[in-house]
C-alpha cells in the first residue's frame, strides 16, 4: 500500500478526542482511503479538488471521534472557515451546494453549515473505512487512540486485547459504531 502523507498543518484544525493517537490515526485512515481510491496520496492547496479533499479530511477526523461520543450530535462541530488550510466562506458554500447540504438555521451560520457538510461526508467515509478494514478492525483502531503508544497498523496483541477483552464502554462504543455504519 502506498503510504499517504498529511501535512501536520492540515490536521491542526481538528480537535481529536484522546489525541494520543489521533493524528497518527488520521494518516493511517488517509492511507486506507487512498488504497480504496477515495483520496489522493497527498493534499496541498495546489491539489486539484483541495476543498473536497479537505472536507473528507474533516469528516475523517469526525469519524475518529465517533467512538468517544454517546451520540453523533454530542460531537462539537469543526468550523471549516478561516485562514488556510481552512476554507473560505465561498468555498464552503460551493461544496455544500454541490453536496446538496444546507444548514438547519437561516441565515446559514458558518458553524452550522460546516457541521452539516462534515456530517454528510462522514458516513460515506466511515463506510469506506469499514469496507476496507472491516467493522472490528476499524473500531479497534479508533479505540486504540486511547493508548499512549498507539501505532498503526495495530499489533496483533493490541488488536486481540481490544476485541477480546471488552469493557462496558468499549462494548457500547462498538455497538454504536455498528449502528452508525448501518444507518
Protein backbone atom coordinates (compact mmCIF):
# COMPACT_ATOMS: atom_id res chain seq x y z
CA UNK A 1 0.00 0.00 0.00
CA UNK A 2 1.25 3.46 -0.85
CA UNK A 3 1.59 5.43 2.34
CA UNK A 4 -0.33 8.68 2.36
CA UNK A 5 1.09 11.81 3.85
CA UNK A 6 -0.77 14.55 5.61
CA UNK A 7 0.99 17.77 6.43
CA UNK A 8 0.54 18.50 10.14
CA UNK A 9 -0.75 21.94 9.15
CA UNK A 10 -3.73 20.22 7.52
CA UNK A 11 -4.60 18.27 10.67
CA UNK A 12 -4.11 21.16 13.13
CA UNK A 13 -7.70 22.48 12.86
CA UNK A 14 -9.19 19.21 14.05
CA UNK A 15 -9.66 18.56 17.73
CA UNK A 16 -9.38 14.86 18.28
CA UNK A 17 -10.66 13.20 21.43
CA UNK A 18 -7.93 11.18 23.09
CA UNK A 19 -5.44 12.76 20.73
CA UNK A 20 -2.61 10.48 21.83
CA UNK A 21 -3.00 8.58 18.58
CA UNK A 22 -5.37 10.87 16.71
CA UNK A 23 -3.03 12.40 14.18
CA UNK A 24 -1.30 9.06 13.57
CA UNK A 25 -4.70 7.50 13.01
CA UNK A 26 -5.70 10.26 10.56
CA UNK A 27 -2.64 9.42 8.47
CA UNK A 28 -3.49 5.72 8.71
CA UNK A 29 -7.11 6.35 7.70
CA UNK A 30 -5.98 8.54 4.80
CA UNK A 31 -3.77 5.69 3.58
CA UNK A 32 -6.71 3.29 3.78
CA UNK A 33 -8.94 5.73 1.89
CA UNK A 34 -6.13 6.16 -0.64
CA UNK A 35 -5.96 2.41 -1.14
CA UNK A 36 -9.72 2.44 -1.74
CA UNK A 37 -9.26 5.14 -4.39
CA UNK A 38 -11.25 7.72 -2.44
CA UNK A 39 -8.46 10.27 -1.84
CA UNK A 40 -5.06 11.18 -3.30
CA UNK A 41 -1.74 10.34 -1.64
CA UNK A 42 -1.17 13.93 -0.54
CA UNK A 43 -3.28 17.03 -0.21
CA UNK A 44 -1.94 20.52 -0.72
CA UNK A 45 -3.60 23.80 -1.54
CA UNK A 46 -2.34 23.32 -5.08
CA UNK A 47 -4.01 19.91 -5.31
CA UNK A 48 -6.87 19.60 -7.69
CA UNK A 49 -10.07 19.34 -5.67
CA UNK A 50 -8.43 20.66 -2.47
CA UNK A 51 -11.75 21.76 -0.98
CA UNK A 52 -13.38 18.37 -1.47
CA UNK A 53 -10.39 16.54 -0.01
CA UNK A 54 -10.18 18.93 2.94
CA UNK A 55 -13.85 18.22 3.70
CA UNK A 56 -13.07 14.49 3.52
CA UNK A 57 -10.22 15.02 5.98
CA UNK A 58 -12.57 16.88 8.34
CA UNK A 59 -15.10 14.06 8.00
CA UNK A 60 -12.37 11.51 8.76
CA UNK A 61 -11.48 13.43 11.93
CA UNK A 62 -15.19 13.40 12.80
CA UNK A 63 -15.27 9.62 12.34
CA UNK A 64 -12.20 9.39 14.58
CA UNK A 65 -14.20 10.92 17.42
CA UNK A 66 -17.37 8.86 16.94
CA UNK A 67 -16.44 6.06 19.34
CA UNK A 68 -15.98 8.60 22.13
CA UNK A 69 -19.38 10.28 21.78
CA UNK A 70 -22.63 8.85 23.07
CA UNK A 71 -24.45 10.27 20.05
CA UNK A 72 -23.22 11.83 16.84
CA UNK A 73 -24.85 15.09 17.99
CA UNK A 74 -22.58 15.16 21.05
CA UNK A 75 -19.58 15.98 18.89
CA UNK A 76 -18.60 19.62 18.71
CA UNK A 77 -18.62 20.76 15.10
CA UNK A 78 -15.47 21.80 13.34
CA UNK A 79 -15.67 25.20 11.74
CA UNK A 80 -14.21 24.83 8.29
CA UNK A 81 -13.85 28.54 7.52
CA UNK A 82 -10.80 30.61 8.33
CA UNK A 83 -7.22 31.09 7.24
CA UNK A 84 -5.62 28.30 5.22
CA UNK A 85 -5.62 25.39 5.49
CA UNK A 86 -9.29 26.13 6.27
CA UNK A 87 -11.77 27.12 3.59
CA UNK A 88 -13.27 30.45 2.60
CA UNK A 89 -16.98 31.02 3.14
CA UNK A 90 -17.45 30.88 -0.63
CA UNK A 91 -15.65 27.51 -0.87
CA UNK A 92 -17.77 26.12 1.96
CA UNK A 93 -20.95 27.39 0.32
CA UNK A 94 -19.99 25.88 -3.02
CA UNK A 95 -19.12 22.46 -1.61
CA UNK A 96 -22.33 22.46 0.44
CA UNK A 97 -24.35 23.28 -2.65
CA UNK A 98 -22.58 20.56 -4.68
CA UNK A 99 -23.37 18.07 -1.90
CA UNK A 100 -26.97 19.28 -1.61
CA UNK A 101 -26.39 20.11 2.05
CA UNK A 102 -27.87 23.04 3.90
CA UNK A 103 -27.72 24.20 7.50
CA UNK A 104 -30.86 23.92 9.58
CA UNK A 105 -30.77 27.59 10.59
CA UNK A 106 -31.45 30.64 8.49
CA UNK A 107 -29.48 32.60 7.70
CA UNK A 108 -26.94 29.83 7.47
CA UNK A 109 -24.18 30.16 10.02
CA UNK A 110 -20.68 29.04 9.10
CA UNK A 111 -20.54 26.63 12.06
CA UNK A 112 -23.90 25.07 11.24
CA UNK A 113 -23.07 24.71 7.56
CA UNK A 114 -19.63 23.27 8.42
CA UNK A 115 -21.28 20.69 10.66
CA UNK A 116 -23.86 19.77 8.01
CA UNK A 117 -21.16 19.30 5.35
CA UNK A 118 -18.93 17.23 7.65
CA UNK A 119 -21.77 15.03 8.86
CA UNK A 120 -22.95 14.43 5.29
CA UNK A 121 -19.45 13.30 4.29
CA UNK A 122 -18.60 11.38 7.50
CA UNK A 123 -20.94 8.42 6.99
CA UNK A 124 -19.61 7.57 3.49
CA UNK A 125 -16.05 7.95 4.83
CA UNK A 126 -16.82 5.63 7.75
CA UNK A 127 -18.38 3.11 5.39
CA UNK A 128 -15.36 3.25 3.07
CA UNK A 129 -13.03 2.66 6.01
CA UNK A 130 -15.19 -0.20 7.31
CA UNK A 131 -15.33 -1.65 3.80
CA UNK A 132 -11.55 -1.73 3.60
CA UNK A 133 -10.75 -2.64 7.22
CA UNK A 134 -13.91 -4.33 8.45
CA UNK A 135 -16.06 -3.09 11.32
CA UNK A 136 -14.00 -4.79 14.04
CA UNK A 137 -10.62 -3.51 12.87
CA UNK A 138 -11.98 0.00 12.30
CA UNK A 139 -13.37 0.01 15.83
CA UNK A 140 -10.13 -1.36 17.31
CA UNK A 141 -8.06 1.31 15.57
CA UNK A 142 -10.36 4.05 16.80
CA UNK A 143 -10.45 2.66 20.33
CA UNK A 144 -6.66 2.24 20.39
CA UNK A 145 -6.31 6.01 20.18
CA UNK A 146 -6.81 5.97 23.96
CA UNK A 147 -3.47 4.20 24.31
CA UNK A 148 -0.41 6.37 24.92
CA UNK A 149 1.70 4.40 22.45
CA UNK A 150 -0.82 3.60 19.73
CA UNK A 151 0.77 2.97 16.36
CA UNK A 152 -0.84 1.85 13.16
CA UNK A 153 -1.48 -0.69 11.88
CA UNK A 154 -2.15 -2.22 15.29
CA UNK A 155 -0.08 -5.11 16.52
CA UNK A 156 -1.88 -8.44 16.92
CA UNK A 157 -1.52 -8.18 20.72
CA UNK A 158 -3.20 -4.76 20.89
CA UNK A 159 -5.88 -5.84 18.45
CA UNK A 160 -6.56 -9.00 20.45
CA UNK A 161 -6.72 -7.09 23.73
CA UNK A 162 -9.22 -4.54 22.40
CA UNK A 163 -11.50 -7.00 20.63
CA UNK A 164 -11.37 -9.92 23.06
CA UNK A 165 -11.40 -8.06 26.38
CA UNK A 166 -14.26 -5.60 26.03
CA UNK A 167 -15.19 -3.18 28.77
CA UNK A 168 -18.75 -1.87 29.12
CA UNK A 169 -17.62 1.38 27.46
CA UNK A 170 -15.87 -0.34 24.56
CA UNK A 171 -18.79 -2.72 24.02
CA UNK A 172 -21.22 0.22 23.87
CA UNK A 173 -18.90 2.10 21.51
CA UNK A 174 -18.53 -0.97 19.25
CA UNK A 175 -22.31 -1.29 19.06
CA UNK A 176 -22.69 2.45 18.46
CA UNK A 177 -20.24 2.35 15.57
CA UNK A 178 -22.16 -0.56 14.08
CA UNK A 179 -25.43 1.39 14.30
CA UNK A 180 -23.76 4.43 12.72
CA UNK A 181 -22.39 2.35 9.84
CA UNK A 182 -25.77 0.70 9.24
CA UNK A 183 -27.85 3.88 9.29
